[in-house]
C-alpha cells in the first residue's frame, strides 16, 4: 500500500489564499449588479475555487469526514 508523503507548508498558505478568494467571490456574487456574462464567469471561477479548496483540505486531512 502506497503512503502519502506529507505536504509542504505552502499548501496551507495556498489553502488560505483559495479560501479568501472564494469568500470574496461569494460576496461579489451575492451583491449582484453585473451582467449575465460576468456573473457566469464568477460562478465558474467559484466552482474551480471550491474544488481546489476541497482538494487541498482532503490532502491536509482537514475535510469533513463523510461516511
Protein backbone atom coordinates (compact mmCIF):
# COMPACT_ATOMS: atom_id res chain seq x y z
CA UNK A 1 0.00 0.00 0.00
CA UNK A 2 1.39 3.38 -1.00
CA UNK A 3 1.85 6.04 1.64
CA UNK A 4 1.15 9.70 1.09
CA UNK A 5 4.10 12.00 1.61
CA UNK A 6 3.47 14.95 3.92
CA UNK A 7 2.56 18.11 2.09
CA UNK A 8 4.84 21.13 2.19
CA UNK A 9 3.81 24.03 4.37
CA UNK A 10 3.00 26.17 1.36
CA UNK A 11 -0.17 24.09 0.86
CA UNK A 12 -1.61 25.69 3.99
CA UNK A 13 -0.80 29.14 2.61
CA UNK A 14 -2.36 28.15 -0.71
CA UNK A 15 -5.48 26.96 1.12
CA UNK A 16 -5.77 30.27 2.96
CA UNK A 17 -5.44 32.17 -0.32
CA UNK A 18 -8.07 30.00 -2.01
CA UNK A 19 -10.46 30.45 0.93
CA UNK A 20 -10.01 34.22 0.88
CA UNK A 21 -10.51 34.49 -2.88
CA UNK A 22 -13.55 32.19 -2.72
CA UNK A 23 -15.12 34.23 0.09
CA UNK A 24 -14.55 37.48 -1.82
CA UNK A 25 -16.11 35.96 -4.92
CA UNK A 26 -19.13 34.80 -2.93
CA UNK A 27 -19.64 38.34 -1.63
CA UNK A 28 -19.44 39.73 -5.16
CA UNK A 29 -21.97 37.19 -6.42
CA UNK A 30 -24.37 37.96 -3.58
CA UNK A 31 -24.07 41.68 -4.19
CA UNK A 32 -25.06 41.25 -7.85
CA UNK A 33 -25.41 44.25 -10.13
CA UNK A 34 -23.46 42.76 -13.04
CA UNK A 35 -24.47 41.43 -16.42
CA UNK A 36 -25.03 37.74 -17.08
CA UNK A 37 -21.62 37.21 -18.68
CA UNK A 38 -19.74 38.47 -15.63
CA UNK A 39 -21.99 36.53 -13.26
CA UNK A 40 -21.47 33.29 -15.18
CA UNK A 41 -17.68 33.80 -15.22
CA UNK A 42 -17.72 34.39 -11.46
CA UNK A 43 -19.84 31.28 -10.89
CA UNK A 44 -17.40 29.21 -12.95
CA UNK A 45 -14.45 30.60 -11.01
CA UNK A 46 -16.28 29.82 -7.75
CA UNK A 47 -16.70 26.19 -8.84
CA UNK A 48 -12.98 25.92 -9.57
CA UNK A 49 -12.02 27.50 -6.26
CA UNK A 50 -14.41 25.27 -4.33
CA UNK A 51 -12.96 22.17 -5.97
CA UNK A 52 -9.42 23.36 -5.25
CA UNK A 53 -10.30 24.08 -1.61
CA UNK A 54 -11.81 20.62 -1.16
CA UNK A 55 -8.79 19.02 -2.81
CA UNK A 56 -6.31 20.79 -0.53
CA UNK A 57 -8.39 20.17 2.60
CA UNK A 58 -8.58 16.49 1.73
CA UNK A 59 -4.83 16.29 1.23
CA UNK A 60 -4.23 18.06 4.52
CA UNK A 61 -6.78 15.90 6.30
CA UNK A 62 -8.98 18.91 7.13
CA UNK A 63 -12.06 17.91 5.17
CA UNK A 64 -15.26 16.80 6.82
CA UNK A 65 -15.37 13.09 7.48
CA UNK A 66 -18.00 11.52 5.24
CA UNK A 67 -19.06 8.04 5.99
